[in-house]
């Protein structure tokens, strides 16, 4: 699978991108644009222009983070496979 972006850039300005599902064309979205830790990450129709809660970037460690709150993904370990935002703390 080709991603179209590098895992590490030498610039201090991140390149923001959308993460779109091939299954339904929806994008990853931090539900309700709530910036607090633990807010669910859902699929949602793409906003035009894209909102900060739908934009993502790779940090210097190659971790995908949200433009909205600089939080990374975390699976909460439940059987529903819900993904929430968390502070990677790296």
PDB file of N, CA and C in Angstrom:
ATOM      1  N   UNK A   1       0.843  -1.180   0.000  1.00  0.00           N
ATOM      2  CA  UNK A   1       0.000   0.000   0.000  1.00  0.00           C
ATOM      3  C   UNK A   1       0.885   1.239   0.000  1.00  0.00           C
ATOM      4  N   UNK A   2       0.662   2.141  -0.906  1.00  0.00           N
ATOM      5  CA  UNK A   2       1.418   3.386  -0.918  1.00  0.00           C
ATOM      6  C   UNK A   2       0.612   4.455  -0.222  1.00  0.00           C
ATOM      7  N   UNK A   3       1.289   5.268   0.565  1.00  0.00           N
ATOM      8  CA  UNK A   3       0.590   6.246   1.383  1.00  0.00           C
ATOM      9  C   UNK A   3       0.578   7.641   0.785  1.00  0.00           C
ATOM     10  N   UNK A   4       1.557   7.990  -0.022  1.00  0.00           N
ATOM     11  CA  UNK A   4       1.607   9.328  -0.577  1.00  0.00           C
ATOM     12  C   UNK A   4       2.229  10.351   0.349  1.00  0.00           C
ATOM     13  N   UNK A   5       2.688   9.941   1.532  1.00  0.00           N
ATOM     14  CA  UNK A   5       3.373  10.868   2.416  1.00  0.00           C
ATOM     15  C   UNK A   5       4.495  10.149   3.143  1.00  0.00           C
ATOM     16  N   UNK A   6       5.463  10.901   3.556  1.00  0.00           N
ATOM     17  CA  UNK A   6       6.627  10.357   4.227  1.00  0.00           C
ATOM     18  C   UNK A   6       6.350  10.210   5.714  1.00  0.00           C
ATOM     19  N   UNK A   7       6.946   9.204   6.332  1.00  0.00           N
ATOM     20  CA  UNK A   7       6.778   9.003   7.770  1.00  0.00           C
ATOM     21  C   UNK A   7       7.512  10.069   8.573  1.00  0.00           C
ATOM     22  N   UNK A   8       8.413  10.776   7.947  1.00  0.00           N
ATOM     23  CA  UNK A   8       9.159  11.811   8.662  1.00  0.00           C
ATOM     24  C   UNK A   8       9.508  12.927   7.693  1.00  0.00           C
ATOM     25  N   UNK A   9       9.284  14.138   8.108  1.00  0.00           N
ATOM     26  CA  UNK A   9       9.682  15.272   7.283  1.00  0.00           C
ATOM     27  C   UNK A   9      10.713  16.088   8.047  1.00  0.00           C
ATOM     28  N   UNK A  10      11.529  16.785   7.322  1.00  0.00           N
ATOM     29  CA  UNK A  10      12.577  17.594   7.953  1.00  0.00           C
ATOM     30  C   UNK A  10      12.128  19.030   8.160  1.00  0.00           C
ATOM     31  N   UNK A  11      10.862  19.313   7.929  1.00  0.00           N
ATOM     32  CA  UNK A  11      10.354  20.658   8.128  1.00  0.00           C
ATOM     33  C   UNK A  11       9.593  20.718   9.439  1.00  0.00           C
ATOM     34  N   UNK A  12       9.453  21.921   9.982  1.00  0.00           N
ATOM     35  CA  UNK A  12       8.716  22.076  11.231  1.00  0.00           C
ATOM     36  C   UNK A  12       7.221  22.266  10.986  1.00  0.00           C
ATOM     37  N   UNK A  13       6.821  22.488   9.739  1.00  0.00           N
ATOM     38  CA  UNK A  13       5.418  22.654   9.404  1.00  0.00           C
ATOM     39  C   UNK A  13       4.849  21.316   8.949  1.00  0.00           C
ATOM     40  N   UNK A  14       3.890  20.771   9.693  1.00  0.00           N
ATOM     41  CA  UNK A  14       3.346  19.466   9.283  1.00  0.00           C
ATOM     42  C   UNK A  14       2.506  19.564   8.014  1.00  0.00           C
ATOM     43  N   UNK A  15       2.461  18.466   7.271  1.00  0.00           N
ATOM     44  CA  UNK A  15       1.577  18.345   6.119  1.00  0.00           C
ATOM     45  C   UNK A  15       0.311  17.665   6.613  1.00  0.00           C
ATOM     46  N   UNK A  16      -0.807  18.350   6.481  1.00  0.00           N
ATOM     47  CA  UNK A  16      -2.075  17.794   6.946  1.00  0.00           C
ATOM     48  C   UNK A  16      -2.734  16.987   5.843  1.00  0.00           C
ATOM     49  N   UNK A  17      -3.445  15.927   6.237  1.00  0.00           N
ATOM     50  CA  UNK A  17      -4.105  15.059   5.266  1.00  0.00           C
ATOM     51  C   UNK A  17      -5.388  14.501   5.876  1.00  0.00           C
ATOM     52  N   UNK A  18      -6.255  13.998   5.005  1.00  0.00           N
ATOM     53  CA  UNK A  18      -7.475  13.306   5.406  1.00  0.00           C
ATOM     54  C   UNK A  18      -7.200  11.810   5.383  1.00  0.00           C
ATOM     55  N   UNK A  19      -7.898  11.059   6.193  1.00  0.00           N
ATOM     56  CA  UNK A  19      -7.842   9.602   6.147  1.00  0.00           C
ATOM     57  C   UNK A  19      -9.232   9.146   5.712  1.00  0.00           C
ATOM     58  N   UNK A  20      -9.317   8.648   4.482  1.00  0.00           N
ATOM     59  CA  UNK A  20     -10.603   8.310   3.865  1.00  0.00           C
ATOM     60  C   UNK A  20     -10.769   6.814   3.738  1.00  0.00           C
ATOM     61  N   UNK A  21     -11.962   6.344   4.048  1.00  0.00           N
ATOM     62  CA  UNK A  21     -12.301   4.929   3.938  1.00  0.00           C
ATOM     63  C   UNK A  21     -12.552   4.563   2.483  1.00  0.00           C
ATOM     64  N   UNK A  22     -11.934   3.466   2.030  1.00  0.00           N
ATOM     65  CA  UNK A  22     -12.236   2.951   0.699  1.00  0.00           C
ATOM     66  C   UNK A  22     -13.614   2.310   0.682  1.00  0.00           C
ATOM     67  N   UNK A  23     -14.102   1.888   1.824  1.00  0.00           N
ATOM     68  CA  UNK A  23     -15.384   1.196   1.910  1.00  0.00           C
ATOM     69  C   UNK A  23     -16.565   2.140   1.641  1.00  0.00           C
ATOM     70  N   UNK A  24     -16.532   3.339   2.247  1.00  0.00           N
ATOM     71  CA  UNK A  24     -17.694   4.217   2.117  1.00  0.00           C
ATOM     72  C   UNK A  24     -17.359   5.661   1.747  1.00  0.00           C
ATOM     73  N   UNK A  25     -16.080   5.983   1.577  1.00  0.00           N
ATOM     74  CA  UNK A  25     -15.671   7.332   1.188  1.00  0.00           C
ATOM     75  C   UNK A  25     -15.686   8.351   2.315  1.00  0.00           C
ATOM     76  N   UNK A  26     -16.100   7.942   3.511  1.00  0.00           N
ATOM     77  CA  UNK A  26     -16.105   8.865   4.644  1.00  0.00           C
ATOM     78  C   UNK A  26     -14.687   9.017   5.194  1.00  0.00           C
ATOM     79  N   UNK A  27     -14.470  10.079   5.978  1.00  0.00           N
ATOM     80  CA  UNK A  27     -13.147  10.348   6.531  1.00  0.00           C
ATOM     81  C   UNK A  27     -13.171  10.217   8.050  1.00  0.00           C
ATOM     82  N   UNK A  28     -11.989   9.992   8.625  1.00  0.00           N
ATOM     83  CA  UNK A  28     -11.896   9.967  10.084  1.00  0.00           C
ATOM     84  C   UNK A  28     -12.148  11.368  10.620  1.00  0.00           C
ATOM     85  N   UNK A  29     -12.907  11.436  11.688  1.00  0.00           N
ATOM     86  CA  UNK A  29     -13.414  12.694  12.227  1.00  0.00           C
ATOM     87  C   UNK A  29     -13.467  12.562  13.746  1.00  0.00           C
ATOM     88  N   UNK A  30     -12.962  13.546  14.467  1.00  0.00           N
ATOM     89  CA  UNK A  30     -13.103  13.549  15.921  1.00  0.00           C
ATOM     90  C   UNK A  30     -14.517  14.031  16.209  1.00  0.00           C
ATOM     91  N   UNK A  31     -15.317  13.151  16.774  1.00  0.00           N
ATOM     92  CA  UNK A  31     -16.750  13.371  16.941  1.00  0.00           C
ATOM     93  C   UNK A  31     -17.068  14.699  17.612  1.00  0.00           C
ATOM     94  N   UNK A  32     -17.908  15.492  16.943  1.00  0.00           N
ATOM     95  CA  UNK A  32     -18.362  16.759  17.496  1.00  0.00           C
ATOM     96  C   UNK A  32     -17.288  17.822  17.615  1.00  0.00           C
ATOM     97  N   UNK A  33     -16.124  17.590  17.015  1.00  0.00           N
ATOM     98  CA  UNK A  33     -14.988  18.522  17.093  1.00  0.00           C
ATOM     99  C   UNK A  33     -14.625  18.835  18.550  1.00  0.00           C
ATOM    100  N   UNK A  34     -14.826  17.848  19.421  1.00  0.00           N
ATOM    101  CA  UNK A  34     -14.473  18.020  20.834  1.00  0.00           C
ATOM    102  C   UNK A  34     -12.998  17.687  21.009  1.00  0.00           C
ATOM    103  N   UNK A  35     -12.246  18.616  21.553  1.00  0.00           N
ATOM    104  CA  UNK A  35     -10.796  18.473  21.626  1.00  0.00           C
ATOM    105  C   UNK A  35     -10.306  17.695  22.839  1.00  0.00           C
ATOM    106  N   UNK A  36     -11.197  17.240  23.718  1.00  0.00           N
ATOM    107  CA  UNK A  36     -10.720  16.577  24.932  1.00  0.00           C
ATOM    108  C   UNK A  36     -10.322  15.123  24.681  1.00  0.00           C
ATOM    109  N   UNK A  37      -9.386  14.631  25.487  1.00  0.00           N
ATOM    110  CA  UNK A  37      -8.929  13.248  25.431  1.00  0.00           C
ATOM    111  C   UNK A  37     -10.107  12.308  25.641  1.00  0.00           C
ATOM    112  N   UNK A  38     -10.150  11.234  24.844  1.00  0.00           N
ATOM    113  CA  UNK A  38     -11.196  10.235  24.991  1.00  0.00           C
ATOM    114  C   UNK A  38     -12.386  10.430  24.070  1.00  0.00           C
ATOM    115  N   UNK A  39     -12.437  11.546  23.338  1.00  0.00           N
ATOM    116  CA  UNK A  39     -13.535  11.755  22.390  1.00  0.00           C
ATOM    117  C   UNK A  39     -13.422  10.715  21.280  1.00  0.00           C
ATOM    118  N   UNK A  40     -14.512  10.043  20.921  1.00  0.00           N
ATOM    119  CA  UNK A  40     -14.453   9.025  19.869  1.00  0.00           C
ATOM    120  C   UNK A  40     -14.024   9.586  18.511  1.00  0.00           C
ATOM    121  N   UNK A  41     -13.298   8.762  17.781  1.00  0.00           N
ATOM    122  CA  UNK A  41     -12.951   9.050  16.391  1.00  0.00           C
ATOM    123  C   UNK A  41     -13.908   8.212  15.551  1.00  0.00           C
ATOM    124  N   UNK A  42     -14.650   8.870  14.657  1.00  0.00           N
ATOM    125  CA  UNK A  42     -15.684   8.215  13.865  1.00  0.00           C
ATOM    126  C   UNK A  42     -15.423   8.460  12.377  1.00  0.00           C
ATOM    127  N   UNK A  43     -16.171   7.785  11.524  1.00  0.00           N
ATOM    128  CA  UNK A  43     -16.150   8.142  10.105  1.00  0.00           C
ATOM    129  C   UNK A  43     -17.328   9.069   9.855  1.00  0.00           C
ATOM    130  N   UNK A  44     -17.091  10.074   8.999  1.00  0.00           N
ATOM    131  CA  UNK A  44     -18.095  11.103   8.760  1.00  0.00           C
ATOM    132  C   UNK A  44     -17.900  11.636   7.347  1.00  0.00           C
ATOM    133  N   UNK A  45     -18.951  12.160   6.721  1.00  0.00           N
ATOM    134  CA  UNK A  45     -18.754  12.762   5.399  1.00  0.00           C
ATOM    135  C   UNK A  45     -17.729  13.901   5.464  1.00  0.00           C
ATOM    136  N   UNK A  46     -16.915  14.007   4.428  1.00  0.00           N
ATOM    137  CA  UNK A  46     -15.878  15.039   4.375  1.00  0.00           C
ATOM    138  C   UNK A  46     -16.512  16.423   4.361  1.00  0.00           C
ATOM    139  N   UNK A  47     -15.996  17.304   5.216  1.00  0.00           N
ATOM    140  CA  UNK A  47     -16.441  18.695   5.238  1.00  0.00           C
ATOM    141  C   UNK A  47     -15.658  19.451   4.174  1.00  0.00           C
ATOM    142  N   UNK A  48     -16.269  20.452   3.588  1.00  0.00           N
ATOM    143  CA  UNK A  48     -15.598  21.232   2.547  1.00  0.00           C
ATOM    144  C   UNK A  48     -15.694  22.708   2.895  1.00  0.00           C
ATOM    145  N   UNK A  49     -14.584  23.348   3.251  1.00  0.00           N
ATOM    146  CA  UNK A  49     -13.241  22.782   3.346  1.00  0.00           C
ATOM    147  C   UNK A  49     -13.119  21.880   4.577  1.00  0.00           C
ATOM    148  N   UNK A  50     -12.102  20.993   4.591  1.00  0.00           N
ATOM    149  CA  UNK A  50     -11.919  20.097   5.734  1.00  0.00           C
ATOM    150  C   UNK A  50     -11.740  20.885   7.035  1.00  0.00           C
ATOM    151  N   UNK A  51     -12.378  20.421   8.081  1.00  0.00           N
ATOM    152  CA  UNK A  51     -12.255  21.046   9.400  1.00  0.00           C
ATOM    153  C   UNK A  51     -11.077  20.424  10.149  1.00  0.00           C
ATOM    154  N   UNK A  52     -10.596  21.115  11.157  1.00  0.00           N
ATOM    155  CA  UNK A  52      -9.451  20.621  11.934  1.00  0.00           C
ATOM    156  C   UNK A  52      -9.698  19.253  12.552  1.00  0.00           C
ATOM    157  N   UNK A  53     -10.958  18.906  12.846  1.00  0.00           N
ATOM    158  CA  UNK A  53     -11.233  17.603  13.440  1.00  0.00           C
ATOM    159  C   UNK A  53     -11.218  16.479  12.403  1.00  0.00           C
ATOM    160  N   UNK A  54     -10.980  16.813  11.130  1.00  0.00           N
ATOM    161  CA  UNK A  54     -10.839  15.807  10.077  1.00  0.00           C
ATOM    162  C   UNK A  54      -9.435  15.792   9.478  1.00  0.00           C
ATOM    163  N   UNK A  55      -8.564  16.649   9.964  1.00  0.00           N
ATOM    164  CA  UNK A  55      -7.203  16.729   9.423  1.00  0.00           C
ATOM    165  C   UNK A  55      -6.210  16.077  10.371  1.00  0.00           C
ATOM    166  N   UNK A  56      -5.231  15.397   9.786  1.00  0.00           N
ATOM    167  CA  UNK A  56      -4.245  14.605  10.520  1.00  0.00           C
ATOM    168  C   UNK A  56      -2.853  14.917  10.005  1.00  0.00           C
ATOM    169  N   UNK A  57      -1.840  14.592  10.791  1.00  0.00           N
ATOM    170  CA  UNK A  57      -0.447  14.770  10.377  1.00  0.00           C
ATOM    171  C   UNK A  57       0.413  13.711  11.049  1.00  0.00           C
ATOM    172  N   UNK A  58       1.598  13.518  10.514  1.00  0.00           N
ATOM    173  CA  UNK A  58       2.576  12.623  11.132  1.00  0.00           C
ATOM    174  C   UNK A  58       3.547  13.472  11.931  1.00  0.00           C
ATOM    175  N   UNK A  59       3.742  13.133  13.201  1.00  0.00           N
ATOM    176  CA  UNK A  59       4.725  13.877  13.991  1.00  0.00           C
ATOM    177  C   UNK A  59       6.133  13.349  13.701  1.00  0.00           C
ATOM    178  N   UNK A  60       7.125  13.888  14.370  1.00  0.00           N
ATOM    179  CA  UNK A  60       8.524  13.526  14.103  1.00  0.00           C
ATOM    180  C   UNK A  60       8.826  12.070  14.429  1.00  0.00           C
ATOM    181  N   UNK A  61       7.965  11.419  15.218  1.00  0.00           N
ATOM    182  CA  UNK A  61       8.142  10.004  15.545  1.00  0.00           C
ATOM    183  C   UNK A  61       7.323   9.089  14.646  1.00  0.00           C
ATOM    184  N   UNK A  62       6.627   9.671  13.660  1.00  0.00           N
ATOM    185  CA  UNK A  62       5.813   8.886  12.745  1.00  0.00           C
ATOM    186  C   UNK A  62       4.450   8.499  13.303  1.00  0.00           C
ATOM    187  N   UNK A  63       4.003   9.196  14.348  1.00  0.00           N
ATOM    188  CA  UNK A  63       2.699   8.928  14.961  1.00  0.00           C
ATOM    189  C   UNK A  63       1.658   9.835  14.308  1.00  0.00           C
ATOM    190  N   UNK A  64       0.529   9.247  13.904  1.00  0.00           N
ATOM    191  CA  UNK A  64      -0.554  10.039  13.324  1.00  0.00           C
ATOM    192  C   UNK A  64      -1.263  10.790  14.446  1.00  0.00           C
ATOM    193  N   UNK A  65      -1.377  12.116  14.281  1.00  0.00           N
ATOM    194  CA  UNK A  65      -2.033  12.952  15.286  1.00  0.00           C
ATOM    195  C   UNK A  65      -3.040  13.880  14.617  1.00  0.00           C
ATOM    196  N   UNK A  66      -3.971  14.361  15.413  1.00  0.00           N
ATOM    197  CA  UNK A  66      -5.020  15.247  14.936  1.00  0.00           C
ATOM    198  C   UNK A  66      -4.566  16.701  14.924  1.00  0.00           C
ATOM    199  N   UNK A  67      -4.965  17.426  13.890  1.00  0.00           N
ATOM    200  CA  UNK A  67      -4.700  18.866  13.854  1.00  0.00           C
ATOM    201  C   UNK A  67      -5.517  19.577  14.935  1.00  0.00           C
ATOM    202  N   UNK A  68      -6.684  19.050  15.266  1.00  0.00           N
ATOM    203  CA  UNK A  68      -7.567  19.684  16.247  1.00  0.00           C
ATOM    204  C   UNK A  68      -6.929  19.785  17.624  1.00  0.00           C
ATOM    205  N   UNK A  69      -6.316  18.679  18.089  1.00  0.00           N
ATOM    206  CA  UNK A  69      -5.857  18.646  19.476  1.00  0.00           C
ATOM    207  C   UNK A  69      -4.481  18.003  19.674  1.00  0.00           C
ATOM    208  N   UNK A  70      -3.821  17.661  18.573  1.00  0.00           N
ATOM    209  CA  UNK A  70      -2.494  17.033  18.630  1.00  0.00           C
ATOM    210  C   UNK A  70      -2.488  15.707  19.373  1.00  0.00           C
ATOM    211  N   UNK A  71      -3.639  15.045  19.441  1.00  0.00           N
ATOM    212  CA  UNK A  71      -3.712  13.743  20.096  1.00  0.00           C
ATOM    213  C   UNK A  71      -3.589  12.626  19.068  1.00  0.00           C
ATOM    214  N   UNK A  72      -3.104  11.479  19.517  1.00  0.00           N
ATOM    215  CA  UNK A  72      -2.931  10.293  18.675  1.00  0.00           C
ATOM    216  C   UNK A  72      -4.113   9.352  18.884  1.00  0.00           C
ATOM    217  N   UNK A  73      -4.141   8.261  18.093  1.00  0.00           N
ATOM    218  CA  UNK A  73      -5.187   7.246  18.222  1.00  0.00           C
ATOM    219  C   UNK A  73      -4.892   6.288  19.362  1.00  0.00           C
ATOM    220  N   UNK A  74      -5.957   5.764  19.953  1.00  0.00           N
ATOM    221  CA  UNK A  74      -5.822   4.694  20.938  1.00  0.00           C
ATOM    222  C   UNK A  74      -7.070   3.832  20.861  1.00  0.00           C
ATOM    223  N   UNK A  75      -6.888   2.519  20.775  1.00  0.00           N
ATOM    224  CA  UNK A  75      -8.010   1.597  20.860  1.00  0.00           C
ATOM    225  C   UNK A  75      -8.295   1.396  22.330  1.00  0.00           C
ATOM    226  N   UNK A  76      -9.545   1.554  22.720  1.00  0.00           N
ATOM    227  CA  UNK A  76      -9.876   1.471  24.146  1.00  0.00           C
ATOM    228  C   UNK A  76      -9.931   0.053  24.688  1.00  0.00           C
ATOM    229  N   UNK A  77      -9.640  -0.959  23.826  1.00  0.00           N
ATOM    230  CA  UNK A  77      -9.602  -2.330  24.285  1.00  0.00           C
ATOM    231  C   UNK A  77     -10.953  -2.994  24.420  1.00  0.00           C
ATOM    232  N   UNK A  78     -12.017  -2.283  24.078  1.00  0.00           N
ATOM    233  CA  UNK A  78     -13.357  -2.861  24.159  1.00  0.00           C
ATOM    234  C   UNK A  78     -13.663  -3.624  22.883  1.00  0.00           C
ATOM    235  N   UNK A  79     -14.639  -4.485  22.959  1.00  0.00           N
ATOM    236  CA  UNK A  79     -14.980  -5.317  21.810  1.00  0.00           C
ATOM    237  C   UNK A  79     -15.596  -4.533  20.657  1.00  0.00           C
ATOM    238  N   UNK A  80     -16.079  -3.298  20.917  1.00  0.00           N
ATOM    239  CA  UNK A  80     -16.667  -2.513  19.834  1.00  0.00           C
ATOM    240  C   UNK A  80     -15.604  -1.840  18.966  1.00  0.00           C
ATOM    241  N   UNK A  81     -14.337  -2.003  19.346  1.00  0.00           N
ATOM    242  CA  UNK A  81     -13.185  -1.477  18.596  1.00  0.00           C
ATOM    243  C   UNK A  81     -13.234   0.040  18.414  1.00  0.00           C
ATOM    244  N   UNK A  82     -13.806   0.717  19.354  1.00  0.00           N
ATOM    245  CA  UNK A  82     -13.879   2.175  19.303  1.00  0.00           C
ATOM    246  C   UNK A  82     -12.479   2.773  19.431  1.00  0.00           C
ATOM    247  N   UNK A  83     -12.228   3.814  18.668  1.00  0.00           N
ATOM    248  CA  UNK A  83     -10.941   4.503  18.702  1.00  0.00           C
ATOM    249  C   UNK A  83     -11.163   5.877  19.317  1.00  0.00           C
ATOM    250  N   UNK A  84     -10.286   6.268  20.217  1.00  0.00           N
ATOM    251  CA  UNK A  84     -10.373   7.585  20.847  1.00  0.00           C
ATOM    252  C   UNK A  84      -9.030   8.282  20.743  1.00  0.00           C
ATOM    253  N   UNK A  85      -9.014   9.587  21.051  1.00  0.00           N
ATOM    254  CA  UNK A  85      -7.775  10.350  21.051  1.00  0.00           C
ATOM    255  C   UNK A  85      -7.082  10.246  22.384  1.00  0.00           C
ATOM    256  N   UNK A  86      -5.769  10.234  22.362  1.00  0.00           N
ATOM    257  CA  UNK A  86      -5.001  10.185  23.606  1.00  0.00           C
ATOM    258  C   UNK A  86      -3.672  10.881  23.407  1.00  0.00           C
ATOM    259  N   UNK A  87      -3.041  11.267  24.505  1.00  0.00           N
ATOM    260  CA  UNK A  87      -1.732  11.906  24.479  1.00  0.00           C
ATOM    261  C   UNK A  87      -0.677  10.818  24.398  1.00  0.00           C
ATOM    262  N   UNK A  88       0.025  10.746  23.245  1.00  0.00           N
ATOM    263  CA  UNK A  88       1.009   9.688  23.031  1.00  0.00           C
ATOM    264  C   UNK A  88       2.159   9.764  24.018  1.00  0.00           C
ATOM    265  N   UNK A  89       2.473  10.950  24.512  1.00  0.00           N
ATOM    266  CA  UNK A  89       3.477  11.111  25.537  1.00  0.00           C
ATOM    267  C   UNK A  89       4.869  10.633  25.178  1.00  0.00           C
ATOM    268  N   UNK A  90       5.181  10.694  23.899  1.00  0.00           N
ATOM    269  CA  UNK A  90       6.515  10.245  23.472  1.00  0.00           C
ATOM    270  C   UNK A  90       7.426  11.429  23.360  1.00  0.00           C
TER     271      UNK A  90
END
